[in-house]
Amino acid sequence: SEAMNHVSIDSSASPLSRKARLVVQLAAFSGLLFDGVELGLMPIASISVTRSLLGEGFTDVLAGDWFARFTASLMLGAAAGGIVFGAMGDRIGRTRAMGVSILFYSVFSGAGWLVGSLEQMLVLRFFVGLGVGGMWPNGVALVSECWPNVSRPMVAGIVGAGLNAGILLLSQIARIWHITPDSWRWLFGWSAVPGLLGVVALHFVPESPRWLSTRGAVPRRTDKLLRELFRPPLLRLTLLGIVLGSIPMIGAWAASKWMIPWADKIGGAAQPDYKAVTQGFWALGAVLGSFFGAQLAGILGRRLSYFLISLGSTVLTGGLFLFTAPLQPAFLPTAFAQGFVATLFFGWLPLYLPELFPTKVRATGSGIAYNVGRFATAGGVLAAGTLVTWFGGDFAKVGAVMSLIYSFGMVAIWWAPETAHRDLPD
């Protein structure tokens, strides 16, 4: 034990080699890529799963209601996972918490292959969410601490692109092997495979030297970590981080994601792969957007870039649902543009959120800022599900109304500090 501790302390005195940093980058990107697969799984499979398990009782209104429930369950799990596994990352290390998070979302998603009811799937999506929420703060904290400041916008962009690369990967798989009411269980069985990556992360990925050098100062109990974040001088930063992380999260799940079941409802009968094509166009834009979000923040500054992203997201999301429709020529290009602009947020966030918090609470603080918004997102998605009933199953009206969420970002960002050209706080 003394020998192991000696190695850990010595290794914290110098930065990782370039090879070790590349291993960290690859592991974090891969973990977030499969995180993205989980985020994209139910939007593309929900109607097929619901139609299969409800049988003759299936209706469009019930399909929208269950899609909202599955999404809310995932968001609640992710919110809890971001807090619990984020705190775990500050206590026992980024790589260990990242490995456990990957195992969580892989194992419980794979169990979806065996479900016999929608209620069982609902419970499993919560546990999948725990892992999904835990992956982000630990992956982002690990990468931001292992790369020098000059590389952070580029590295943050690559990490941010990981989630949407996973959604793009899933869409291409679904174009080849169609997801239908008679054929969807294979998708859940396949989603258990990334559990192997979790094992690799636990045993072979290098730990953050910054975390190793400060772990003695990290409170061992989660409640102590939370108390530090929710009292001065960090209270204001924590609350601002929560607001800035919540707006794009609610907008994405309560507004943007309705384009996929909408495409399935309108275009699925004529083109069984149309929902996958739609998700593919959106995800291609999203991969680019989540990469360039960090670059945009580096060029324009954190505050101006967030304002412009909020404005563009409001216009494009509302325009998608109000002025286009599935199978119309403008629909897929608009989905691409909306995916690009609305996911600039998710390159911006992995750059900005770690800049708000000192090392000893960075994973916990980033996890709270990013994932507490998912509690609000769950409420927003359930509200959107209520709108589905009010609007008689009209997904376009739901998306148009909920797109206004993005407009709040144009106001909130001016309360946040500008952190460009600053080092990460120790």
Protein backbone atom coordinates (compact mmCIF):
# COMPACT_ATOMS: atom_id res chain seq x y z
CA SER A 1 0.00 0.00 0.00
CA GLU A 2 2.84 2.43 0.87
CA ALA A 3 4.52 1.63 -2.45
CA MET A 4 1.35 2.32 -4.36
CA ASN A 5 0.84 5.62 -2.54
CA HIS A 6 4.44 6.59 -3.25
CA VAL A 7 3.98 5.97 -6.97
CA SER A 8 0.77 7.99 -7.03
CA ILE A 9 2.32 10.98 -5.27
CA ASP A 10 5.40 10.95 -7.49
CA SER A 11 3.31 10.65 -10.65
CA SER A 12 1.33 13.72 -9.67
CA ALA A 13 4.46 15.89 -9.63
CA SER A 14 4.81 16.02 -13.43
CA PRO A 15 2.35 16.17 -16.33
CA LEU A 16 1.42 13.09 -18.33
CA SER A 17 3.36 12.19 -21.44
CA ARG A 18 1.78 12.96 -24.79
CA LYS A 19 1.05 9.26 -25.29
CA ALA A 20 -0.73 9.06 -21.91
CA ARG A 21 -2.73 12.19 -22.69
CA LEU A 22 -3.83 10.69 -26.01
CA VAL A 23 -4.98 7.57 -24.15
CA VAL A 24 -7.01 9.81 -21.82
CA GLN A 25 -8.48 11.69 -24.78
CA LEU A 26 -9.42 8.47 -26.61
CA ALA A 27 -10.98 6.89 -23.51
CA ALA A 28 -13.03 10.00 -22.68
CA PHE A 29 -14.14 10.44 -26.29
CA SER A 30 -15.15 6.76 -26.55
CA GLY A 31 -17.03 6.88 -23.26
CA LEU A 32 -18.94 9.96 -24.42
CA LEU A 33 -19.53 8.44 -27.87
CA PHE A 34 -21.38 5.49 -26.32
CA ASP A 35 -23.02 7.96 -23.92
CA GLY A 36 -24.39 9.57 -27.09
CA VAL A 37 -25.65 6.24 -28.37
CA GLU A 38 -27.74 5.95 -25.21
CA LEU A 39 -29.06 9.50 -25.62
CA GLY A 40 -30.10 8.79 -29.19
CA LEU A 41 -31.51 5.32 -28.56
CA MET A 42 -35.05 6.06 -27.40
CA PRO A 43 -35.77 8.96 -29.76
CA ILE A 44 -35.17 6.57 -32.64
CA ALA A 45 -36.63 3.41 -31.07
CA SER A 46 -39.39 4.69 -28.79
CA ILE A 47 -42.34 4.39 -31.19
CA SER A 48 -41.28 0.89 -32.26
CA VAL A 49 -40.86 -0.24 -28.64
CA THR A 50 -44.20 1.28 -27.63
CA ARG A 51 -46.08 -0.18 -30.59
CA SER A 52 -44.57 -3.60 -29.92
CA LEU A 53 -45.36 -3.69 -26.19
CA LEU A 54 -48.80 -2.03 -26.38
CA GLY A 55 -50.04 -4.03 -29.37
CA GLU A 56 -53.54 -3.03 -30.42
CA GLY A 57 -53.73 -0.43 -27.65
CA PHE A 58 -51.17 1.76 -29.44
CA THR A 59 -52.11 5.35 -30.40
CA ASP A 60 -50.09 8.40 -31.49
CA VAL A 61 -50.97 10.19 -28.24
CA LEU A 62 -49.71 7.23 -26.17
CA ALA A 63 -46.56 7.08 -28.29
CA GLY A 64 -45.82 10.72 -27.48
CA ASP A 65 -46.67 10.22 -23.82
CA TRP A 66 -44.33 7.24 -23.44
CA PHE A 67 -41.54 8.97 -25.34
CA ALA A 68 -41.82 11.82 -22.82
CA ARG A 69 -41.78 9.34 -19.91
CA PHE A 70 -38.71 7.48 -21.23
CA THR A 71 -36.90 10.76 -21.74
CA ALA A 72 -37.87 12.09 -18.29
CA SER A 73 -36.71 8.85 -16.66
CA LEU A 74 -33.35 9.04 -18.42
CA MET A 75 -32.96 12.71 -17.48
CA LEU A 76 -33.76 12.08 -13.80
CA GLY A 77 -31.23 9.27 -13.71
CA ALA A 78 -28.64 11.40 -15.48
CA ALA A 79 -29.17 14.27 -13.06
CA ALA A 80 -28.65 11.96 -10.09
CA GLY A 81 -25.73 10.22 -11.78
CA GLY A 82 -24.00 13.49 -12.56
CA ILE A 83 -24.07 14.44 -8.89
CA VAL A 84 -23.27 11.02 -7.39
CA PHE A 85 -20.60 9.94 -9.88
CA GLY A 86 -19.22 13.48 -10.17
CA ALA A 87 -18.62 13.47 -6.43
CA MET A 88 -17.16 9.97 -6.75
CA GLY A 89 -14.70 11.33 -9.31
CA ASP A 90 -13.50 13.96 -6.85
CA ARG A 91 -13.16 11.36 -4.08
CA ILE A 92 -11.70 8.25 -5.73
CA GLY A 93 -10.44 9.52 -9.09
CA ARG A 94 -11.73 10.52 -12.51
CA THR A 95 -10.89 7.26 -14.29
CA ARG A 96 -12.48 4.99 -11.68
CA ALA A 97 -15.71 6.97 -11.63
CA MET A 98 -15.70 7.10 -15.45
CA GLY A 99 -15.29 3.32 -15.66
CA VAL A 100 -18.16 2.72 -13.23
CA SER A 101 -20.37 5.14 -15.18
CA ILE A 102 -19.72 3.31 -18.46
CA LEU A 103 -20.51 -0.04 -16.85
CA PHE A 104 -23.78 1.36 -15.50
CA TYR A 105 -25.14 2.61 -18.81
CA SER A 106 -23.94 -0.46 -20.72
CA VAL A 107 -25.30 -3.16 -18.41
CA PHE A 108 -28.70 -1.58 -17.79
CA SER A 109 -29.19 -0.66 -21.43
CA GLY A 110 -28.36 -4.22 -22.45
CA ALA A 111 -31.01 -5.45 -20.02
CA GLY A 112 -33.58 -3.69 -22.23
CA TRP A 113 -33.31 -6.69 -24.55
CA LEU A 114 -35.28 -8.70 -21.97
CA VAL A 115 -38.13 -6.33 -21.06
CA GLY A 116 -41.73 -7.44 -21.29
CA SER A 117 -43.48 -4.17 -20.48
CA LEU A 118 -43.10 -0.43 -20.92
CA GLU A 119 -42.88 -0.01 -17.15
CA GLN A 120 -39.83 -2.27 -17.02
CA MET A 121 -38.18 -0.24 -19.77
CA LEU A 122 -38.98 2.96 -17.86
CA VAL A 123 -37.11 1.72 -14.78
CA LEU A 124 -34.12 0.57 -16.84
CA ARG A 125 -33.84 3.97 -18.56
CA PHE A 126 -33.43 5.58 -15.12
CA PHE A 127 -30.47 3.33 -14.30
CA VAL A 128 -29.00 3.91 -17.76
CA GLY A 129 -29.28 7.62 -16.99
CA LEU A 130 -27.17 7.23 -13.85
CA GLY A 131 -24.24 6.13 -15.99
CA VAL A 132 -24.94 8.64 -18.75
CA GLY A 133 -24.91 11.48 -16.21
CA GLY A 134 -21.75 10.25 -14.49
CA MET A 135 -19.68 9.92 -17.66
CA TRP A 136 -19.80 13.59 -18.65
CA PRO A 137 -18.33 15.38 -15.58
CA ASN A 138 -15.59 12.81 -15.08
CA GLY A 139 -14.61 12.63 -18.74
CA VAL A 140 -14.57 16.42 -19.06
CA ALA A 141 -12.68 16.96 -15.77
CA LEU A 142 -10.13 14.29 -16.69
CA VAL A 143 -9.43 15.72 -20.15
CA SER A 144 -9.38 19.37 -19.04
CA GLU A 145 -6.83 18.55 -16.33
CA CYS A 146 -4.56 16.40 -18.50
CA TRP A 147 -4.05 18.85 -21.39
CA PRO A 148 -2.23 22.20 -21.27
CA ASN A 149 -4.26 25.40 -21.35
CA VAL A 150 -3.34 26.20 -24.95
CA SER A 151 -5.03 22.98 -26.08
CA ARG A 152 -8.23 23.27 -24.08
CA PRO A 153 -10.59 24.71 -26.75
CA MET A 154 -9.54 22.03 -29.25
CA VAL A 155 -9.68 19.22 -26.70
CA ALA A 156 -13.02 20.43 -25.29
CA GLY A 157 -14.39 20.50 -28.83
CA ILE A 158 -13.34 16.91 -29.44
CA VAL A 159 -14.89 15.78 -26.16
CA GLY A 160 -18.08 17.71 -26.88
CA ALA A 161 -18.33 16.09 -30.30
CA GLY A 162 -18.19 12.63 -28.73
CA LEU A 163 -21.82 12.61 -27.58
CA ASN A 164 -23.20 13.58 -30.97
CA ALA A 165 -20.82 11.29 -32.82
CA GLY A 166 -22.53 8.50 -30.88
CA ILE A 167 -25.96 9.67 -32.05
CA LEU A 168 -24.63 9.84 -35.63
CA LEU A 169 -23.20 6.32 -35.32
CA LEU A 170 -26.55 5.01 -34.09
CA SER A 171 -28.42 6.67 -36.96
CA GLN A 172 -26.18 5.01 -39.53
CA ILE A 173 -26.62 1.61 -37.90
CA ALA A 174 -30.40 2.13 -37.93
CA ARG A 175 -30.31 2.99 -41.63
CA ILE A 176 -28.76 -0.41 -42.38
CA TRP A 177 -30.70 -2.50 -39.84
CA HIS A 178 -34.16 -0.99 -39.50
CA ILE A 179 -35.68 -0.57 -36.05
CA THR A 180 -39.30 -1.73 -36.26
CA PRO A 181 -41.97 -3.03 -33.85
CA ASP A 182 -40.88 -6.54 -34.83
CA SER A 183 -37.15 -5.88 -34.65
CA TRP A 184 -35.79 -3.64 -31.89
CA ARG A 185 -34.42 -5.86 -29.11
CA TRP A 186 -31.12 -6.40 -30.94
CA LEU A 187 -30.37 -2.69 -30.46
CA PHE A 188 -30.42 -3.00 -26.67
CA GLY A 189 -28.32 -6.16 -26.70
CA TRP A 190 -25.73 -4.39 -28.85
CA SER A 191 -25.64 -1.42 -26.47
CA ALA A 192 -24.19 -3.61 -23.69
CA VAL A 193 -20.88 -4.04 -25.56
CA PRO A 194 -19.29 -0.76 -24.33
CA GLY A 195 -19.11 -2.34 -20.89
CA LEU A 196 -15.70 -3.60 -22.07
CA LEU A 197 -14.57 0.03 -22.30
CA GLY A 198 -15.62 0.51 -18.68
CA VAL A 199 -13.31 -2.30 -17.61
CA VAL A 200 -10.45 -0.76 -19.60
CA ALA A 201 -11.06 2.65 -18.01
CA LEU A 202 -10.94 1.15 -14.52
CA HIS A 203 -7.61 -0.58 -15.04
CA PHE A 204 -5.58 1.04 -17.81
CA VAL A 205 -6.44 4.74 -18.31
CA PRO A 206 -4.01 7.18 -16.58
CA GLU A 207 -5.34 9.29 -13.74
CA SER A 208 -5.32 13.09 -13.71
CA PRO A 209 -2.07 14.44 -12.22
CA ARG A 210 -3.96 17.45 -10.87
CA TRP A 211 -6.39 15.21 -9.03
CA LEU A 212 -3.54 13.08 -7.64
CA SER A 213 -1.79 16.17 -6.32
CA THR A 214 -4.89 17.54 -4.55
CA ARG A 215 -6.76 14.44 -3.43
CA GLY A 216 -5.73 14.94 0.20
CA ALA A 217 -7.67 18.23 0.18
CA VAL A 218 -10.85 16.70 -1.24
CA PRO A 219 -13.64 16.12 1.32
CA ARG A 220 -14.41 12.40 1.51
CA ARG A 221 -18.17 12.84 1.93
CA THR A 222 -20.49 13.97 -0.84
CA ASP A 223 -22.44 16.26 1.48
CA LYS A 224 -19.24 18.17 2.31
CA LEU A 225 -18.47 18.61 -1.39
CA LEU A 226 -21.98 19.92 -1.96
CA ARG A 227 -21.78 22.30 1.00
CA GLU A 228 -18.59 23.78 -0.40
CA LEU A 229 -20.24 24.37 -3.77
CA PHE A 230 -23.42 25.85 -2.28
CA ARG A 231 -21.83 28.44 -0.03
CA PRO A 232 -19.69 31.52 -0.80
CA PRO A 233 -17.47 32.03 -2.68
CA LEU A 234 -18.61 29.23 -5.04
CA LEU A 235 -22.38 29.55 -4.56
CA ARG A 236 -22.88 32.18 -7.26
CA LEU A 237 -20.74 30.27 -9.77
CA THR A 238 -22.56 27.02 -9.03
CA LEU A 239 -25.98 28.60 -9.58
CA LEU A 240 -24.85 30.29 -12.79
CA GLY A 241 -23.40 27.01 -14.05
CA ILE A 242 -26.72 25.26 -13.36
CA VAL A 243 -28.69 27.87 -15.31
CA LEU A 244 -26.30 27.89 -18.27
CA GLY A 245 -26.26 24.09 -18.39
CA SER A 246 -30.03 23.78 -18.00
CA ILE A 247 -31.16 25.99 -20.89
CA PRO A 248 -29.59 23.98 -23.75
CA MET A 249 -30.46 20.70 -22.02
CA ILE A 250 -34.15 21.55 -21.67
CA GLY A 251 -34.22 22.94 -25.20
CA ALA A 252 -32.63 19.80 -26.64
CA TRP A 253 -34.95 17.30 -24.97
CA ALA A 254 -38.20 19.23 -24.59
CA ALA A 255 -38.06 20.78 -28.08
CA SER A 256 -35.42 19.57 -30.56
CA LYS A 257 -35.73 15.82 -30.01
CA TRP A 258 -39.41 15.82 -31.06
CA MET A 259 -38.26 16.01 -34.68
CA ILE A 260 -37.32 12.30 -34.59
CA PRO A 261 -40.68 10.80 -33.51
CA TRP A 262 -42.34 13.43 -35.76
CA ALA A 263 -40.30 12.13 -38.70
CA ASP A 264 -41.21 8.55 -37.74
CA LYS A 265 -44.91 9.38 -37.52
CA ILE A 266 -45.13 11.29 -40.83
CA GLY A 267 -42.47 9.64 -42.95
CA GLY A 268 -42.15 6.17 -41.45
CA ALA A 269 -44.92 4.56 -43.50
CA ALA A 270 -43.41 5.71 -46.80
CA GLN A 271 -39.76 5.28 -45.78
CA PRO A 272 -38.98 2.91 -42.89
CA ASP A 273 -35.52 4.45 -42.51
CA TYR A 274 -36.70 8.08 -42.59
CA LYS A 275 -36.37 8.56 -38.82
CA ALA A 276 -32.78 7.30 -39.04
CA VAL A 277 -32.08 9.59 -42.00
CA THR A 278 -33.48 12.53 -40.02
CA GLN A 279 -31.41 11.68 -36.97
CA GLY A 280 -28.38 11.28 -39.24
CA PHE A 281 -28.77 14.75 -40.76
CA TRP A 282 -29.31 16.25 -37.31
CA ALA A 283 -26.40 14.34 -35.77
CA LEU A 284 -23.97 15.28 -38.55
CA GLY A 285 -24.71 18.93 -37.86
CA ALA A 286 -24.49 18.22 -34.13
CA VAL A 287 -21.04 16.62 -34.35
CA LEU A 288 -19.74 19.69 -36.16
CA GLY A 289 -21.57 22.07 -33.82
CA SER A 290 -20.40 20.45 -30.61
CA PHE A 291 -16.81 20.60 -31.88
CA PHE A 292 -16.91 24.20 -33.07
CA GLY A 293 -18.76 25.46 -29.97
CA ALA A 294 -15.51 25.50 -28.02
CA GLN A 295 -13.66 27.14 -30.91
CA LEU A 296 -16.35 29.83 -31.17
CA ALA A 297 -16.05 30.50 -27.44
CA GLY A 298 -12.28 30.81 -27.85
CA ILE A 299 -12.64 33.36 -30.67
CA LEU A 300 -15.60 35.47 -29.51
CA GLY A 301 -15.34 34.98 -25.76
CA ARG A 302 -17.56 32.88 -23.53
CA ARG A 303 -20.43 35.35 -23.08
CA LEU A 304 -20.94 36.67 -26.61
CA SER A 305 -20.73 33.19 -28.10
CA TYR A 306 -23.38 31.81 -25.70
CA PHE A 307 -25.70 34.74 -26.53
CA LEU A 308 -25.40 34.13 -30.29
CA ILE A 309 -25.89 30.38 -29.90
CA SER A 310 -29.07 31.01 -27.88
CA LEU A 311 -30.42 33.36 -30.54
CA GLY A 312 -29.66 30.98 -33.40
CA SER A 313 -31.14 27.99 -31.57
CA THR A 314 -34.40 29.81 -30.87
CA VAL A 315 -34.82 30.84 -34.52
CA LEU A 316 -33.85 27.52 -36.12
CA THR A 317 -35.76 25.25 -33.74
CA GLY A 318 -38.95 27.27 -34.04
CA GLY A 319 -38.47 27.51 -37.81
CA LEU A 320 -38.04 23.74 -38.16
CA PHE A 321 -41.39 22.99 -36.56
CA LEU A 322 -43.33 25.96 -37.95
CA PHE A 323 -42.15 26.22 -41.55
CA THR A 324 -41.05 22.70 -42.60
CA ALA A 325 -42.36 19.15 -42.20
CA PRO A 326 -41.03 15.60 -42.70
CA LEU A 327 -40.67 14.56 -46.37
CA GLN A 328 -40.62 18.21 -47.51
CA PRO A 329 -37.38 19.27 -49.32
CA ALA A 330 -36.40 21.81 -46.65
CA PHE A 331 -36.86 19.49 -43.67
CA LEU A 332 -33.58 17.58 -43.67
CA PRO A 333 -31.33 20.61 -44.42
CA THR A 334 -33.09 22.51 -41.63
CA ALA A 335 -32.58 19.56 -39.26
CA PHE A 336 -28.86 19.67 -40.13
CA ALA A 337 -28.67 23.43 -39.49
CA GLN A 338 -30.61 23.15 -36.22
CA GLY A 339 -28.34 20.33 -35.09
CA PHE A 340 -25.26 22.41 -35.85
CA VAL A 341 -26.36 25.59 -34.09
CA ALA A 342 -28.18 24.10 -31.07
CA THR A 343 -25.27 21.82 -30.21
CA LEU A 344 -22.68 24.56 -30.26
CA PHE A 345 -23.74 24.71 -26.59
CA PHE A 346 -22.31 21.24 -26.00
CA GLY A 347 -18.85 22.26 -27.17
CA TRP A 348 -19.12 25.48 -25.16
CA LEU A 349 -20.10 23.76 -21.89
CA PRO A 350 -17.12 21.34 -21.54
CA LEU A 351 -14.82 24.33 -22.09
CA TYR A 352 -16.57 26.78 -19.75
CA LEU A 353 -17.88 24.74 -16.81
CA PRO A 354 -14.49 23.35 -15.66
CA GLU A 355 -13.19 26.96 -15.73
CA LEU A 356 -15.64 27.93 -12.98
CA PHE A 357 -14.48 25.47 -10.30
CA PRO A 358 -11.21 24.67 -8.44
CA THR A 359 -9.62 21.26 -8.90
CA LYS A 360 -10.81 19.68 -5.65
CA VAL A 361 -14.50 20.15 -6.58
CA ARG A 362 -14.22 20.38 -10.39
CA ALA A 363 -15.92 17.09 -11.29
CA THR A 364 -18.64 17.61 -8.68
CA GLY A 365 -19.21 21.23 -9.71
CA SER A 366 -19.23 20.46 -13.44
CA GLY A 367 -21.50 17.48 -12.82
CA ILE A 368 -23.98 19.55 -10.86
CA ALA A 369 -23.94 22.43 -13.34
CA TYR A 370 -24.47 20.11 -16.30
CA ASN A 371 -26.79 17.57 -14.75
CA VAL A 372 -29.04 19.45 -12.32
CA GLY A 373 -30.54 20.92 -15.47
CA ARG A 374 -31.71 17.42 -16.23
CA PHE A 375 -34.10 17.55 -13.27
CA ALA A 376 -35.63 20.62 -14.89
CA THR A 377 -35.41 18.86 -18.26
CA ALA A 378 -37.43 15.95 -16.92
CA GLY A 379 -40.13 18.41 -15.88
CA GLY A 380 -39.93 20.15 -19.25
CA VAL A 381 -40.24 16.90 -21.14
CA LEU A 382 -43.25 15.81 -19.07
CA ALA A 383 -44.80 19.23 -19.76
CA ALA A 384 -44.16 18.63 -23.45
CA GLY A 385 -45.84 15.25 -23.08
CA THR A 386 -48.88 17.03 -21.66
CA LEU A 387 -48.83 19.34 -24.67
CA VAL A 388 -48.93 16.27 -26.93
CA THR A 389 -52.29 15.40 -25.37
CA TRP A 390 -53.54 18.99 -25.58
CA PHE A 391 -52.49 19.23 -29.23
CA GLY A 392 -53.94 15.81 -30.14
CA GLY A 393 -50.61 14.19 -30.95
CA ASP A 394 -49.29 17.12 -33.04
CA PHE A 395 -45.53 16.89 -32.38
CA ALA A 396 -44.82 20.01 -34.48
CA LYS A 397 -46.83 22.29 -32.21
CA VAL A 398 -45.09 20.84 -29.16
CA GLY A 399 -41.63 21.46 -30.62
CA ALA A 400 -42.52 25.00 -31.70
CA VAL A 401 -43.81 26.02 -28.26
CA MET A 402 -40.91 24.46 -26.36
CA SER A 403 -38.30 26.04 -28.68
CA LEU A 404 -38.79 29.30 -26.76
CA ILE A 405 -36.71 27.78 -23.93
CA TYR A 406 -33.54 28.69 -25.82
CA SER A 407 -34.37 32.41 -25.71
CA PHE A 408 -33.71 32.54 -21.96
CA GLY A 409 -30.02 31.99 -22.66
CA MET A 410 -29.76 35.40 -24.31
CA VAL A 411 -30.47 36.99 -20.92
CA ALA A 412 -28.84 34.58 -18.45
CA ILE A 413 -25.36 34.69 -19.97
CA TRP A 414 -24.73 38.34 -19.07
CA TRP A 415 -24.69 37.41 -15.37
CA ALA A 416 -21.81 34.96 -15.92
CA PRO A 417 -18.08 35.80 -15.62
CA GLU A 418 -15.88 35.93 -18.72
CA THR A 419 -13.19 33.29 -18.24
CA ALA A 420 -11.34 33.52 -21.55
CA HIS A 421 -7.54 33.76 -21.21
CA ARG A 422 -7.63 32.48 -17.62
CA ASP A 423 -5.91 29.34 -16.35
CA LEU A 424 -7.96 26.59 -14.70
CA PRO A 425 -8.33 27.53 -11.01
CA ASP A 426 -6.42 25.29 -8.60
